């Protein structure tokens, strides 16, 4: 897969949010061996389309964060997608593989508001763009939150 082409096309067409959500033509297929349900390959998109583009697009961090914020102002499905990227960012920052660091303080506040606003829907089934369904994503969000409270002393719920 040509990730350079994907991110450049998404930026040119103002469709980075579509890339994050895995909307066609930006869907990056998740391995069939993955045990959970995802809208796109979150790690591949984050690493190859955003982290590896830092030298090619000086404002890639802002593009990424602004699109996460947009997702957090939308429906429960997009809120969950934004949280999946947030969690992946935390992981890559922890292991020293992130080429930029997200603004946790602002994103944590935005995530809290979005989870509160979409709490009922997050306990239901959400359907991703690729047709896959995730039951009760709030359970995963609560698990992420336990880790953040223990390791970082912040809460996203």
N, C-alpha and C. Protein backbone atom coordinates (compact mmCIF):
# COMPACT_ATOMS: atom_id res chain seq x y z
N UNK A 1 0.84 -1.18 0.00
CA UNK A 1 0.00 0.00 0.00
C UNK A 1 0.88 1.24 0.00
N UNK A 2 0.52 2.21 -0.81
CA UNK A 2 1.29 3.45 -0.91
C UNK A 2 0.72 4.48 0.07
N UNK A 3 1.28 4.50 1.26
CA UNK A 3 0.78 5.39 2.31
C UNK A 3 1.05 6.86 1.99
N UNK A 4 2.18 7.14 1.31
CA UNK A 4 2.47 8.52 0.92
C UNK A 4 1.36 9.06 0.03
N UNK A 5 0.94 8.23 -0.93
CA UNK A 5 -0.14 8.63 -1.83
C UNK A 5 -1.43 8.86 -1.04
N UNK A 6 -1.74 7.94 -0.13
CA UNK A 6 -2.97 8.04 0.66
C UNK A 6 -3.03 9.35 1.45
N UNK A 7 -1.98 9.65 2.20
CA UNK A 7 -2.02 10.84 3.04
C UNK A 7 -1.98 12.10 2.19
N UNK A 8 -1.19 12.11 1.12
CA UNK A 8 -1.14 13.29 0.26
C UNK A 8 -2.48 13.56 -0.39
N UNK A 9 -3.13 12.51 -0.86
CA UNK A 9 -4.46 12.66 -1.48
C UNK A 9 -5.46 13.15 -0.44
N UNK A 10 -5.42 12.59 0.75
CA UNK A 10 -6.35 12.98 1.81
C UNK A 10 -6.15 14.45 2.20
N UNK A 11 -4.90 14.88 2.31
CA UNK A 11 -4.62 16.27 2.67
C UNK A 11 -5.06 17.20 1.54
N UNK A 12 -4.70 16.86 0.31
CA UNK A 12 -5.07 17.67 -0.86
C UNK A 12 -6.58 17.85 -0.96
N UNK A 13 -7.32 16.81 -0.70
CA UNK A 13 -8.78 16.83 -0.84
C UNK A 13 -9.50 17.19 0.46
N UNK A 14 -8.73 17.59 1.46
CA UNK A 14 -9.30 17.92 2.77
C UNK A 14 -10.13 16.74 3.31
N UNK A 15 -9.55 15.53 3.21
CA UNK A 15 -10.24 14.31 3.61
C UNK A 15 -9.45 13.48 4.62
N UNK A 16 -8.61 14.14 5.41
CA UNK A 16 -7.82 13.40 6.41
C UNK A 16 -8.73 12.68 7.40
N UNK A 17 -9.87 13.27 7.69
CA UNK A 17 -10.83 12.63 8.59
C UNK A 17 -11.34 11.32 7.98
N UNK A 18 -11.57 11.32 6.67
CA UNK A 18 -12.00 10.09 5.98
C UNK A 18 -10.92 9.02 6.07
N UNK A 19 -9.66 9.44 5.96
CA UNK A 19 -8.55 8.50 6.09
C UNK A 19 -8.54 7.90 7.50
N UNK A 20 -8.72 8.72 8.51
CA UNK A 20 -8.73 8.23 9.89
C UNK A 20 -9.87 7.24 10.12
N UNK A 21 -11.00 7.46 9.47
CA UNK A 21 -12.18 6.60 9.65
C UNK A 21 -12.18 5.38 8.75
N UNK A 22 -11.27 5.34 7.78
CA UNK A 22 -11.23 4.20 6.87
C UNK A 22 -12.30 4.24 5.80
N UNK A 23 -12.77 5.44 5.48
CA UNK A 23 -13.76 5.57 4.41
C UNK A 23 -13.08 5.32 3.08
N UNK A 24 -13.79 4.66 2.19
CA UNK A 24 -13.23 4.43 0.85
C UNK A 24 -12.99 5.77 0.19
N UNK A 25 -11.93 5.98 -0.51
CA UNK A 25 -10.92 5.02 -0.94
C UNK A 25 -9.74 4.91 0.03
N UNK A 26 -9.92 5.33 1.28
CA UNK A 26 -8.81 5.39 2.23
C UNK A 26 -8.74 4.21 3.20
N UNK A 27 -9.59 3.24 3.06
CA UNK A 27 -9.59 2.12 4.01
C UNK A 27 -8.29 1.33 3.92
N UNK A 28 -7.67 1.12 5.06
CA UNK A 28 -6.50 0.26 5.17
C UNK A 28 -7.00 -0.99 5.89
N UNK A 29 -7.04 -2.08 5.16
CA UNK A 29 -7.64 -3.30 5.70
C UNK A 29 -6.91 -3.80 6.94
N UNK A 30 -7.71 -4.20 7.90
CA UNK A 30 -7.19 -4.76 9.15
C UNK A 30 -6.89 -6.24 8.90
N UNK A 31 -5.84 -6.73 9.52
CA UNK A 31 -5.49 -8.15 9.39
C UNK A 31 -6.67 -9.02 9.79
N UNK A 32 -6.87 -10.07 9.05
CA UNK A 32 -7.97 -10.99 9.37
C UNK A 32 -7.70 -11.75 10.67
N UNK A 33 -6.48 -11.67 11.18
CA UNK A 33 -6.12 -12.36 12.41
C UNK A 33 -6.34 -11.49 13.65
N UNK A 34 -6.79 -10.26 13.45
CA UNK A 34 -7.07 -9.36 14.57
C UNK A 34 -8.31 -9.84 15.30
N UNK A 35 -8.23 -9.88 16.61
CA UNK A 35 -9.33 -10.44 17.40
C UNK A 35 -10.45 -9.43 17.69
N UNK A 36 -10.21 -8.15 17.47
CA UNK A 36 -11.23 -7.15 17.73
C UNK A 36 -11.71 -6.55 16.41
N UNK A 37 -12.66 -5.65 16.49
CA UNK A 37 -13.26 -5.04 15.31
C UNK A 37 -12.78 -3.60 15.20
N UNK A 38 -12.25 -3.23 14.03
CA UNK A 38 -11.73 -1.89 13.80
C UNK A 38 -12.20 -1.37 12.45
N UNK A 39 -12.30 -0.05 12.30
CA UNK A 39 -12.76 0.53 11.04
C UNK A 39 -11.68 0.52 9.96
N UNK A 40 -10.44 0.49 10.38
CA UNK A 40 -9.28 0.54 9.50
C UNK A 40 -8.09 0.10 10.35
N UNK A 41 -6.94 -0.06 9.76
CA UNK A 41 -5.76 -0.45 10.54
C UNK A 41 -5.21 0.80 11.22
N UNK A 42 -5.68 1.05 12.42
CA UNK A 42 -5.35 2.26 13.19
C UNK A 42 -3.84 2.48 13.28
N UNK A 43 -3.09 1.44 13.64
CA UNK A 43 -1.64 1.58 13.81
C UNK A 43 -0.95 1.90 12.49
N UNK A 44 -1.32 1.23 11.42
CA UNK A 44 -0.71 1.50 10.11
C UNK A 44 -0.98 2.92 9.66
N UNK A 45 -2.22 3.36 9.82
CA UNK A 45 -2.56 4.72 9.41
C UNK A 45 -1.78 5.73 10.25
N UNK A 46 -1.76 5.55 11.57
CA UNK A 46 -1.04 6.47 12.44
C UNK A 46 0.44 6.53 12.09
N UNK A 47 1.07 5.37 12.02
CA UNK A 47 2.51 5.33 11.79
C UNK A 47 2.88 5.76 10.38
N UNK A 48 2.25 5.15 9.38
CA UNK A 48 2.67 5.37 7.99
C UNK A 48 2.11 6.63 7.36
N UNK A 49 0.94 7.04 7.76
CA UNK A 49 0.33 8.22 7.15
C UNK A 49 0.59 9.50 7.94
N UNK A 50 0.87 9.38 9.21
CA UNK A 50 1.07 10.58 10.01
C UNK A 50 2.49 10.66 10.58
N UNK A 51 2.91 9.69 11.39
CA UNK A 51 4.24 9.77 11.99
C UNK A 51 5.35 9.82 10.94
N UNK A 52 5.26 9.03 9.90
CA UNK A 52 6.34 9.00 8.90
C UNK A 52 6.28 10.18 7.93
N UNK A 53 5.28 11.03 8.04
CA UNK A 53 5.14 12.16 7.13
C UNK A 53 5.66 13.47 7.72
N UNK A 54 6.20 13.42 8.92
CA UNK A 54 6.63 14.63 9.60
C UNK A 54 7.58 15.47 8.75
N UNK A 55 8.49 14.82 8.03
CA UNK A 55 9.45 15.55 7.20
C UNK A 55 8.80 16.09 5.93
N UNK A 56 7.76 15.44 5.44
CA UNK A 56 7.10 15.84 4.19
C UNK A 56 6.03 16.90 4.41
N UNK A 57 5.43 16.92 5.56
CA UNK A 57 4.36 17.87 5.86
C UNK A 57 4.59 18.42 7.26
N UNK A 58 5.11 19.63 7.32
CA UNK A 58 5.47 20.22 8.60
C UNK A 58 4.28 20.35 9.55
N UNK A 59 3.09 20.48 8.99
CA UNK A 59 1.91 20.67 9.83
C UNK A 59 1.12 19.37 10.05
N UNK A 60 1.78 18.23 9.88
CA UNK A 60 1.08 16.94 9.97
C UNK A 60 0.48 16.72 11.37
N UNK A 61 1.17 17.16 12.40
CA UNK A 61 0.64 17.02 13.77
C UNK A 61 -0.67 17.81 13.91
N UNK A 62 -0.69 19.03 13.39
CA UNK A 62 -1.90 19.85 13.48
C UNK A 62 -3.03 19.24 12.67
N UNK A 63 -2.71 18.72 11.49
CA UNK A 63 -3.73 18.06 10.66
C UNK A 63 -4.32 16.89 11.43
N UNK A 64 -3.46 16.08 12.03
CA UNK A 64 -3.90 14.91 12.79
C UNK A 64 -4.78 15.34 13.97
N UNK A 65 -4.28 16.24 14.80
CA UNK A 65 -5.03 16.66 15.99
C UNK A 65 -6.35 17.34 15.63
N UNK A 66 -6.34 18.21 14.63
CA UNK A 66 -7.57 18.90 14.24
C UNK A 66 -8.62 17.92 13.75
N UNK A 67 -8.20 16.89 13.04
CA UNK A 67 -9.16 15.90 12.56
C UNK A 67 -9.66 15.01 13.69
N UNK A 68 -8.81 14.72 14.67
CA UNK A 68 -9.29 13.99 15.86
C UNK A 68 -10.35 14.82 16.58
N UNK A 69 -10.09 16.12 16.72
CA UNK A 69 -11.07 16.99 17.38
C UNK A 69 -12.39 17.01 16.63
N UNK A 70 -12.32 17.02 15.30
CA UNK A 70 -13.55 16.97 14.50
C UNK A 70 -14.31 15.68 14.78
N UNK A 71 -13.59 14.56 14.79
CA UNK A 71 -14.24 13.27 15.06
C UNK A 71 -14.92 13.28 16.43
N UNK A 72 -14.29 13.92 17.39
CA UNK A 72 -14.84 13.96 18.75
C UNK A 72 -16.11 14.81 18.84
N UNK A 73 -16.38 15.60 17.83
CA UNK A 73 -17.60 16.41 17.80
C UNK A 73 -18.69 15.78 16.96
N UNK A 74 -18.51 14.53 16.60
CA UNK A 74 -19.47 13.86 15.74
C UNK A 74 -20.19 12.74 16.50
N UNK A 75 -20.56 11.69 15.80
CA UNK A 75 -21.35 10.60 16.38
C UNK A 75 -20.49 9.66 17.23
N UNK A 76 -21.14 8.75 17.92
CA UNK A 76 -20.45 7.82 18.83
C UNK A 76 -19.40 6.99 18.10
N UNK A 77 -19.69 6.59 16.89
CA UNK A 77 -18.73 5.79 16.12
C UNK A 77 -17.43 6.57 15.90
N UNK A 78 -17.55 7.83 15.49
CA UNK A 78 -16.36 8.64 15.24
C UNK A 78 -15.64 9.01 16.53
N UNK A 79 -16.40 9.18 17.60
CA UNK A 79 -15.78 9.42 18.91
C UNK A 79 -14.91 8.22 19.28
N UNK A 80 -15.43 7.03 19.10
CA UNK A 80 -14.67 5.82 19.42
C UNK A 80 -13.42 5.71 18.55
N UNK A 81 -13.55 6.03 17.27
CA UNK A 81 -12.38 6.00 16.37
C UNK A 81 -11.31 6.97 16.88
N UNK A 82 -11.71 8.18 17.25
CA UNK A 82 -10.75 9.17 17.77
C UNK A 82 -10.05 8.64 19.01
N UNK A 83 -10.79 7.97 19.88
CA UNK A 83 -10.21 7.41 21.10
C UNK A 83 -9.23 6.29 20.77
N UNK A 84 -9.52 5.49 19.75
CA UNK A 84 -8.58 4.45 19.33
C UNK A 84 -7.26 5.06 18.88
N UNK A 85 -7.33 6.16 18.13
CA UNK A 85 -6.10 6.85 17.71
C UNK A 85 -5.38 7.46 18.90
N UNK A 86 -6.13 8.06 19.82
CA UNK A 86 -5.53 8.64 21.02
C UNK A 86 -4.76 7.57 21.78
N UNK A 87 -5.38 6.40 21.96
CA UNK A 87 -4.73 5.31 22.68
C UNK A 87 -3.48 4.82 21.95
N UNK A 88 -3.56 4.74 20.63
CA UNK A 88 -2.39 4.33 19.85
C UNK A 88 -1.27 5.35 20.01
N UNK A 89 -1.61 6.63 20.03
CA UNK A 89 -0.60 7.67 20.23
C UNK A 89 0.08 7.51 21.59
N UNK A 90 -0.70 7.28 22.62
CA UNK A 90 -0.14 7.08 23.96
C UNK A 90 0.86 5.92 23.93
N UNK A 91 0.47 4.83 23.28
CA UNK A 91 1.35 3.66 23.19
C UNK A 91 2.66 4.01 22.48
N UNK A 92 2.58 4.65 21.31
CA UNK A 92 3.80 4.97 20.56
C UNK A 92 4.66 6.00 21.29
N UNK A 93 4.04 6.90 22.02
CA UNK A 93 4.82 7.84 22.83
C UNK A 93 5.55 7.10 23.94
N UNK A 94 4.87 6.15 24.57
CA UNK A 94 5.47 5.36 25.66
C UNK A 94 6.71 4.60 25.20
N UNK A 95 6.63 4.00 24.02
CA UNK A 95 7.75 3.17 23.56
C UNK A 95 8.79 3.97 22.76
N UNK A 96 8.61 5.29 22.69
CA UNK A 96 9.57 6.16 22.03
C UNK A 96 9.55 6.10 20.52
N UNK A 97 8.43 5.70 19.94
CA UNK A 97 8.34 5.58 18.48
C UNK A 97 7.52 6.69 17.83
N UNK A 98 6.96 7.59 18.63
CA UNK A 98 6.16 8.69 18.08
C UNK A 98 7.09 9.77 17.54
N UNK A 99 6.79 10.29 16.35
CA UNK A 99 7.61 11.37 15.80
C UNK A 99 7.09 12.73 16.21
N UNK A 100 5.91 12.76 16.79
CA UNK A 100 5.37 13.97 17.41
C UNK A 100 4.50 13.54 18.58
N UNK A 101 4.31 14.45 19.50
CA UNK A 101 3.50 14.16 20.69
C UNK A 101 2.20 14.95 20.61
N UNK A 102 1.11 14.27 20.88
CA UNK A 102 -0.19 14.92 20.86
C UNK A 102 -0.35 15.82 22.08
N UNK A 103 -1.23 16.78 21.97
CA UNK A 103 -1.53 17.66 23.09
C UNK A 103 -2.55 16.94 23.98
N UNK A 104 -2.05 16.20 24.92
CA UNK A 104 -2.91 15.37 25.77
C UNK A 104 -3.94 16.19 26.53
N UNK A 105 -3.51 17.30 27.08
CA UNK A 105 -4.41 18.09 27.93
C UNK A 105 -5.68 18.49 27.17
N UNK A 106 -5.52 19.01 25.99
CA UNK A 106 -6.68 19.43 25.19
C UNK A 106 -7.48 18.23 24.73
N UNK A 107 -6.81 17.20 24.23
CA UNK A 107 -7.54 16.03 23.73
C UNK A 107 -8.27 15.29 24.84
N UNK A 108 -7.67 15.21 26.01
CA UNK A 108 -8.34 14.55 27.14
C UNK A 108 -9.64 15.29 27.47
N UNK A 109 -9.57 16.60 27.50
CA UNK A 109 -10.77 17.40 27.78
C UNK A 109 -11.84 17.17 26.70
N UNK A 110 -11.42 17.17 25.43
CA UNK A 110 -12.36 16.94 24.32
C UNK A 110 -12.95 15.53 24.36
N UNK A 111 -12.12 14.55 24.70
CA UNK A 111 -12.59 13.16 24.78
C UNK A 111 -13.62 13.03 25.90
N UNK A 112 -13.31 13.61 27.07
CA UNK A 112 -14.25 13.55 28.20
C UNK A 112 -15.63 14.08 27.80
N UNK A 113 -15.63 15.24 27.15
CA UNK A 113 -16.89 15.86 26.73
C UNK A 113 -17.62 14.96 25.73
N UNK A 114 -16.88 14.40 24.78
CA UNK A 114 -17.48 13.56 23.75
C UNK A 114 -18.05 12.26 24.32
N UNK A 115 -17.32 11.66 25.26
CA UNK A 115 -17.80 10.42 25.88
C UNK A 115 -19.07 10.72 26.68
N UNK A 116 -19.07 11.81 27.42
CA UNK A 116 -20.24 12.19 28.20
C UNK A 116 -21.45 12.39 27.28
N UNK A 117 -21.24 13.12 26.20
CA UNK A 117 -22.32 13.44 25.26
C UNK A 117 -22.86 12.20 24.54
N UNK A 118 -21.99 11.21 24.30
CA UNK A 118 -22.36 10.02 23.51
C UNK A 118 -22.44 8.75 24.35
N UNK A 119 -22.50 8.90 25.66
CA UNK A 119 -22.42 7.74 26.56
C UNK A 119 -23.46 6.66 26.22
N UNK A 120 -24.70 7.05 26.01
CA UNK A 120 -25.74 6.06 25.71
C UNK A 120 -25.43 5.27 24.44
N UNK A 121 -25.05 5.99 23.39
CA UNK A 121 -24.74 5.34 22.12
C UNK A 121 -23.51 4.45 22.22
N UNK A 122 -22.56 4.84 23.08
CA UNK A 122 -21.33 4.06 23.24
C UNK A 122 -21.57 2.75 24.00
N UNK A 123 -22.73 2.59 24.60
CA UNK A 123 -23.06 1.32 25.25
C UNK A 123 -23.83 0.40 24.30
N UNK A 124 -24.14 0.89 23.13
CA UNK A 124 -24.89 0.13 22.13
C UNK A 124 -23.91 -0.48 21.11
N UNK A 125 -24.44 -0.87 19.97
CA UNK A 125 -23.63 -1.34 18.84
C UNK A 125 -23.38 -0.16 17.92
N UNK A 126 -22.11 0.05 17.55
CA UNK A 126 -21.78 1.05 16.54
C UNK A 126 -21.35 0.32 15.28
N UNK A 127 -21.59 0.93 14.14
CA UNK A 127 -21.24 0.32 12.86
C UNK A 127 -20.23 1.21 12.15
N UNK A 128 -19.08 0.63 11.81
CA UNK A 128 -18.04 1.37 11.12
C UNK A 128 -18.35 1.47 9.63
N UNK A 129 -17.62 2.33 8.96
CA UNK A 129 -17.77 2.55 7.52
C UNK A 129 -17.63 1.26 6.72
N UNK A 130 -16.77 0.35 7.20
CA UNK A 130 -16.54 -0.91 6.48
C UNK A 130 -17.61 -1.96 6.78
N UNK A 131 -18.64 -1.57 7.54
CA UNK A 131 -19.75 -2.47 7.83
C UNK A 131 -19.56 -3.31 9.09
N UNK A 132 -18.37 -3.31 9.64
CA UNK A 132 -18.13 -4.09 10.86
C UNK A 132 -18.81 -3.40 12.04
N UNK A 133 -19.25 -4.21 12.98
CA UNK A 133 -19.99 -3.70 14.14
C UNK A 133 -19.22 -3.97 15.43
N UNK A 134 -19.23 -2.98 16.30
CA UNK A 134 -18.58 -3.10 17.60
C UNK A 134 -19.64 -2.94 18.68
N UNK A 135 -19.74 -3.94 19.54
CA UNK A 135 -20.72 -3.92 20.62
C UNK A 135 -20.12 -3.26 21.86
N UNK A 136 -20.84 -2.31 22.42
CA UNK A 136 -20.47 -1.65 23.67
C UNK A 136 -19.01 -1.15 23.71
N UNK A 137 -18.65 -0.23 22.82
CA UNK A 137 -17.28 0.29 22.84
C UNK A 137 -16.92 1.01 24.13
N UNK A 138 -17.93 1.41 24.90
CA UNK A 138 -17.65 2.07 26.17
C UNK A 138 -16.83 1.17 27.09
N UNK A 139 -17.01 -0.13 26.98
CA UNK A 139 -16.24 -1.07 27.81
C UNK A 139 -14.74 -0.92 27.52
N UNK A 140 -14.37 -0.82 26.23
CA UNK A 140 -12.96 -0.61 25.88
C UNK A 140 -12.47 0.74 26.39
N UNK A 141 -13.31 1.76 26.23
CA UNK A 141 -12.94 3.10 26.69
C UNK A 141 -12.68 3.08 28.20
N UNK A 142 -13.51 2.38 28.94
CA UNK A 142 -13.32 2.27 30.39
C UNK A 142 -12.01 1.55 30.72
N UNK A 143 -11.66 0.53 29.94
CA UNK A 143 -10.39 -0.17 30.15
C UNK A 143 -9.21 0.75 29.85
N UNK A 144 -9.29 1.51 28.75
CA UNK A 144 -8.24 2.48 28.45
C UNK A 144 -8.10 3.45 29.63
N UNK A 145 -9.24 3.91 30.13
CA UNK A 145 -9.25 4.90 31.20
C UNK A 145 -8.58 4.38 32.47
N UNK A 146 -8.81 3.12 32.81
CA UNK A 146 -8.17 2.53 33.99
C UNK A 146 -6.65 2.64 33.87
N UNK A 147 -6.14 2.35 32.69
CA UNK A 147 -4.70 2.43 32.46
C UNK A 147 -4.21 3.87 32.58
N UNK A 148 -4.94 4.80 31.96
CA UNK A 148 -4.53 6.21 32.01
C UNK A 148 -4.55 6.74 33.44
N UNK A 149 -5.54 6.35 34.22
CA UNK A 149 -5.61 6.80 35.61
C UNK A 149 -4.44 6.25 36.41
N UNK A 150 -4.08 5.01 36.16
CA UNK A 150 -2.99 4.37 36.90
C UNK A 150 -1.63 4.92 36.48
N UNK A 151 -1.40 5.03 35.18
CA UNK A 151 -0.08 5.41 34.68
C UNK A 151 0.14 6.91 34.54
N UNK A 152 -0.91 7.65 34.25
CA UNK A 152 -0.75 9.07 33.91
C UNK A 152 -1.56 10.02 34.78
N UNK A 153 -2.42 9.47 35.62
CA UNK A 153 -3.25 10.27 36.52
C UNK A 153 -4.13 11.26 35.75
N UNK A 154 -4.70 10.79 34.65
CA UNK A 154 -5.76 11.56 33.99
C UNK A 154 -6.87 10.60 33.60
N UNK A 155 -8.04 11.17 33.38
CA UNK A 155 -9.21 10.37 33.05
C UNK A 155 -9.86 10.90 31.78
N UNK A 156 -10.35 9.96 30.95
CA UNK A 156 -11.05 10.36 29.72
C UNK A 156 -12.56 10.15 29.85
N UNK A 157 -13.01 9.73 31.03
CA UNK A 157 -14.46 9.56 31.23
C UNK A 157 -14.92 10.29 32.48
